[in-house]
């Protein structure tokens, strides 16, 4: 077989799956060697976790040698309350481009290959003031979705006839502005 193909059988004047195959000439004959494309595998994985429903799906996917493949994923993916996962791109081996930042990759597969979708976790940040209308609360980064582990600086600006007292929720202090780390959905 040529590269990317495998022998399947003989047809025409003979019928066999043996290769080589010996037979006796009993007259004019046409013998055809039949081949199919060699299957190659594409492993689809997620880092650090497998979320969403990529196409093709997670695990091993088999294609014929020389097949055109479009691998894609939808992002963001909703997780538990106040949590979502955002795809930041992929890493690849074999025929998959080594890296990319998009949500799809196009390639021709001729060898065992892999694509790993890279995900980051983001948590929802909710900013409130108490009592309502007593001032404004801002944050850097602004949210409402903030990558896990990111330091968030919050600042309160009191309205007329109000004074800042303290923070409650994810941050308990009387320092304004102050900083906390997004280790989960936070208010």
Foldseek 3Di string as FASTA:
>chain_A
DPQQKDWQFKDWPDTDRDPPDDDDDPDDTDIDTDIFGDKAKEAEAEPPHDDFAKVVGHGIDIDRAFDKDKIFGDDWADDPPQKTKGWQWKAKDQQWHGTDRDGMTITTHHHHMYIYTYIFMWGAEDDADPPHPQWDKAKVVGDRIDTAFDKIWMATDGDPPDDQAFDDWQDTDSDGTDIDGRNHHTD
